[in-house]
Amino acid sequence: TARELLAAFAVRPGEPQKLYCLPVNPTAEGMAQYLLERVAPGLFADLPGLEVTSIRLWETESCMAEARTG
């Protein structure tokens, strides 16, 4: 299966990994947008008045992607 194939490329063989299947292309831009639209609202749902308006996802020390609302 795909999970078994990916497990063969473990960073540390024998240690469990979490695999995530995203409904978007896993580029930094796609992941930032997904975090902003899908993850952040549920993550902070119990904090009334808090609204996440941007996400910055750093790939390297000098390269990042940003997603913003509106």
N, C-alpha and C. Protein backbone atom coordinates (compact mmCIF):
# COMPACT_ATOMS: atom_id res chain seq x y z
N THR A 1 0.84 -1.19 0.00
CA THR A 1 0.00 0.00 0.00
C THR A 1 0.88 1.25 0.00
N ALA A 2 0.23 2.38 -0.21
CA ALA A 2 0.98 3.64 -0.22
C ALA A 2 1.59 3.94 1.14
N ARG A 3 0.87 3.62 2.21
CA ARG A 3 1.40 3.86 3.56
C ARG A 3 2.64 3.02 3.81
N GLU A 4 2.63 1.80 3.39
CA GLU A 4 3.80 0.92 3.57
C GLU A 4 4.99 1.45 2.78
N LEU A 5 4.73 1.92 1.58
CA LEU A 5 5.79 2.47 0.74
C LEU A 5 6.39 3.71 1.40
N LEU A 6 5.55 4.61 1.90
CA LEU A 6 6.05 5.81 2.55
C LEU A 6 6.79 5.48 3.84
N ALA A 7 6.35 4.46 4.55
CA ALA A 7 7.00 4.07 5.80
C ALA A 7 8.43 3.61 5.55
N ALA A 8 8.70 3.10 4.35
CA ALA A 8 10.04 2.65 4.01
C ALA A 8 11.02 3.82 3.95
N PHE A 9 10.51 5.03 3.80
CA PHE A 9 11.35 6.21 3.72
C PHE A 9 11.37 6.98 5.04
N ALA A 10 11.18 6.29 6.12
CA ALA A 10 11.13 6.92 7.45
C ALA A 10 12.44 7.65 7.74
N VAL A 11 12.33 8.77 8.41
CA VAL A 11 13.51 9.52 8.82
C VAL A 11 14.33 8.70 9.80
N ARG A 12 13.63 8.05 10.72
CA ARG A 12 14.27 7.16 11.68
C ARG A 12 13.57 5.81 11.60
N PRO A 13 14.14 4.87 10.89
CA PRO A 13 13.50 3.56 10.73
C PRO A 13 13.06 2.98 12.08
N GLY A 14 11.86 2.44 12.08
CA GLY A 14 11.32 1.82 13.28
C GLY A 14 10.49 2.75 14.14
N GLU A 15 10.59 4.07 13.93
CA GLU A 15 9.80 5.02 14.70
C GLU A 15 8.51 5.34 13.95
N PRO A 16 7.42 5.45 14.68
CA PRO A 16 6.14 5.74 14.01
C PRO A 16 6.13 7.13 13.39
N GLN A 17 5.36 7.27 12.34
CA GLN A 17 5.23 8.55 11.64
C GLN A 17 3.76 8.87 11.50
N LYS A 18 3.44 10.12 11.36
CA LYS A 18 2.08 10.53 11.04
C LYS A 18 2.08 10.93 9.57
N LEU A 19 1.16 10.39 8.82
CA LEU A 19 1.02 10.72 7.41
C LEU A 19 -0.26 11.51 7.21
N TYR A 20 -0.18 12.56 6.45
CA TYR A 20 -1.34 13.40 6.17
C TYR A 20 -1.56 13.44 4.67
N CYS A 21 -2.80 13.22 4.27
CA CYS A 21 -3.18 13.34 2.86
C CYS A 21 -3.95 14.65 2.73
N LEU A 22 -3.38 15.58 1.99
CA LEU A 22 -4.01 16.88 1.81
C LEU A 22 -4.83 16.91 0.53
N PRO A 23 -5.93 17.64 0.54
CA PRO A 23 -6.73 17.78 -0.67
C PRO A 23 -6.18 18.84 -1.61
N VAL A 24 -4.97 19.33 -1.33
CA VAL A 24 -4.33 20.34 -2.18
C VAL A 24 -2.92 19.87 -2.51
N ASN A 25 -2.34 20.49 -3.50
CA ASN A 25 -0.96 20.21 -3.85
C ASN A 25 -0.08 20.61 -2.65
N PRO A 26 0.78 19.74 -2.14
CA PRO A 26 1.53 20.04 -0.92
C PRO A 26 2.71 20.99 -1.12
N THR A 27 2.47 22.08 -1.81
CA THR A 27 3.47 23.14 -1.89
C THR A 27 3.33 23.99 -0.63
N ALA A 28 4.30 24.81 -0.34
CA ALA A 28 4.20 25.69 0.82
C ALA A 28 2.98 26.62 0.69
N GLU A 29 2.73 27.10 -0.51
CA GLU A 29 1.59 27.98 -0.75
C GLU A 29 0.27 27.25 -0.50
N GLY A 30 0.17 26.05 -1.02
CA GLY A 30 -1.05 25.25 -0.84
C GLY A 30 -1.28 24.89 0.62
N MET A 31 -0.21 24.53 1.33
CA MET A 31 -0.34 24.17 2.73
C MET A 31 -0.71 25.39 3.58
N ALA A 32 -0.13 26.55 3.29
CA ALA A 32 -0.46 27.77 4.04
C ALA A 32 -1.94 28.11 3.86
N GLN A 33 -2.43 28.02 2.64
CA GLN A 33 -3.84 28.31 2.37
C GLN A 33 -4.74 27.30 3.07
N TYR A 34 -4.38 26.03 3.04
CA TYR A 34 -5.15 24.98 3.71
C TYR A 34 -5.18 25.22 5.23
N LEU A 35 -4.05 25.56 5.81
CA LEU A 35 -4.01 25.84 7.25
C LEU A 35 -4.90 27.03 7.60
N LEU A 36 -4.87 28.06 6.78
CA LEU A 36 -5.66 29.26 7.02
C LEU A 36 -7.16 28.98 6.91
N GLU A 37 -7.57 28.28 5.87
CA GLU A 37 -8.99 28.08 5.61
C GLU A 37 -9.61 26.91 6.36
N ARG A 38 -8.86 25.85 6.58
CA ARG A 38 -9.44 24.63 7.15
C ARG A 38 -8.99 24.32 8.57
N VAL A 39 -7.73 24.49 8.87
CA VAL A 39 -7.21 24.06 10.16
C VAL A 39 -7.41 25.13 11.24
N ALA A 40 -7.01 26.36 10.98
CA ALA A 40 -7.06 27.42 11.98
C ALA A 40 -8.46 27.65 12.55
N PRO A 41 -9.51 27.71 11.72
CA PRO A 41 -10.83 27.96 12.29
C PRO A 41 -11.26 26.90 13.33
N GLY A 42 -11.00 25.66 13.06
CA GLY A 42 -11.34 24.61 14.02
C GLY A 42 -10.43 24.59 15.22
N LEU A 43 -9.18 24.91 15.01
CA LEU A 43 -8.19 24.89 16.08
C LEU A 43 -8.49 25.95 17.14
N PHE A 44 -9.01 27.09 16.71
CA PHE A 44 -9.27 28.19 17.63
C PHE A 44 -10.76 28.46 17.82
N ALA A 45 -11.61 27.49 17.52
CA ALA A 45 -13.06 27.68 17.60
C ALA A 45 -13.53 28.01 19.01
N ASP A 46 -12.82 27.54 20.03
CA ASP A 46 -13.25 27.78 21.40
C ASP A 46 -12.71 29.10 21.98
N LEU A 47 -12.13 29.93 21.14
CA LEU A 47 -11.62 31.23 21.57
C LEU A 47 -12.39 32.33 20.85
N PRO A 48 -13.54 32.74 21.42
CA PRO A 48 -14.37 33.75 20.75
C PRO A 48 -13.60 35.06 20.50
N GLY A 49 -13.84 35.63 19.35
CA GLY A 49 -13.20 36.89 19.02
C GLY A 49 -11.84 36.74 18.35
N LEU A 50 -11.27 35.54 18.37
CA LEU A 50 -9.96 35.34 17.74
C LEU A 50 -10.17 34.93 16.28
N GLU A 51 -9.52 35.63 15.39
CA GLU A 51 -9.63 35.33 13.96
C GLU A 51 -8.22 35.28 13.38
N VAL A 52 -7.88 34.19 12.74
CA VAL A 52 -6.59 34.06 12.08
C VAL A 52 -6.73 34.68 10.69
N THR A 53 -5.92 35.68 10.40
CA THR A 53 -6.04 36.39 9.13
C THR A 53 -4.89 36.12 8.17
N SER A 54 -3.82 35.51 8.68
CA SER A 54 -2.72 35.15 7.79
C SER A 54 -1.91 34.01 8.39
N ILE A 55 -1.28 33.27 7.52
CA ILE A 55 -0.40 32.16 7.89
C ILE A 55 0.89 32.33 7.10
N ARG A 56 2.00 32.25 7.79
CA ARG A 56 3.31 32.22 7.13
C ARG A 56 3.93 30.86 7.37
N LEU A 57 4.35 30.23 6.31
CA LEU A 57 4.97 28.92 6.39
C LEU A 57 6.37 29.03 5.80
N TRP A 58 7.36 28.88 6.67
CA TRP A 58 8.75 29.04 6.25
C TRP A 58 9.30 27.70 5.75
N GLU A 59 9.86 27.71 4.55
CA GLU A 59 10.50 26.53 3.98
C GLU A 59 11.98 26.48 4.36
N THR A 60 12.61 27.63 4.31
CA THR A 60 14.02 27.77 4.68
C THR A 60 14.15 29.08 5.44
N GLU A 61 15.35 29.45 5.83
CA GLU A 61 15.56 30.71 6.54
C GLU A 61 15.22 31.92 5.69
N SER A 62 15.24 31.77 4.38
CA SER A 62 15.01 32.92 3.51
C SER A 62 13.86 32.74 2.53
N CYS A 63 13.06 31.70 2.70
CA CYS A 63 11.99 31.42 1.75
C CYS A 63 10.71 31.03 2.50
N MET A 64 9.63 31.79 2.25
CA MET A 64 8.38 31.51 2.92
C MET A 64 7.20 31.74 1.99
N ALA A 65 6.08 31.11 2.35
CA ALA A 65 4.82 31.32 1.64
C ALA A 65 3.85 31.93 2.64
N GLU A 66 2.97 32.79 2.17
CA GLU A 66 1.99 33.42 3.05
C GLU A 66 0.62 33.36 2.42
N ALA A 67 -0.37 33.04 3.24
CA ALA A 67 -1.78 33.07 2.81
C ALA A 67 -2.49 34.07 3.69
N ARG A 68 -3.38 34.87 3.09
CA ARG A 68 -4.12 35.90 3.82
C ARG A 68 -5.60 35.83 3.48
N THR A 69 -6.42 36.25 4.42
CA THR A 69 -7.85 36.32 4.15
C THR A 69 -8.15 37.57 3.34
N GLY A 70 -9.26 37.53 2.62
CA GLY A 70 -9.75 38.68 1.88
C GLY A 70 -8.82 39.15 0.88
